[in-house]
Amino acid sequence: MVYRAFEEDEGIDYLLHHPDWDHAEHLAQDEGHFMAWYWSRPGLRYASRDDLRNGVPTPESKAALDALSDLRADYRNAVLAAFLACEDPKTRQDLSLWISLESSAYPDALQDDHQRAKGLIIADPEHYRLMLQRSGRS
C-alpha cells in the first residue's frame, strides 16, 4: 500500500510486489477513502441473534476471515506507514483507527515506527479520541 500525499493527487495505491519481480503490479487505488480493509474483508455471519450478541460467528464465515490473516497483518503494517507519511490531520485520524497500540501487533522491523505513531496518538488524545476509545484507552 502506498500513500500518495501530493497536493493535487491524494490517495492510496494498492500494489503487489515480490523481491524477485522487476516492478510492482498495480492492483487498485483509492481516491480519498482510507477505510479499505473494512470494506474489502468478508463479513462475519451469525446463525442467531444470541450468536451475534455473544460474538460467535458461523464457522464458515470465521474461516473466510481467518484465511486473510496474512493480509490483515500486511494491511496493518501499510496503514502504519501511511499514517506516518501523512500530513493531513483528518486522513491521519482515519488511518489511526486501524493502528494497534499494542507493539506485539507489529514485526520487529516496525517497532520504531510503531512507537512514533503511538506517541503521536497519545500526545493528542482529543484528536484521536475515537481511536483511543476503540482501543480501551480513553
Foldseek 3Di string as FASTA:
>chain_A
DDFDDDPVFTWDWDWDDDPVDPDTHTDDIGGPDDPVVVVPAQDFAPPDVVCVVVVNGDPVNVVSRVVCVVVLLVSQVVLLVNLVVDDDLVNNLVSLLSHALDLVSHDPVCSVSSVVSNVVCVVCCVSNVVSCVVNVND
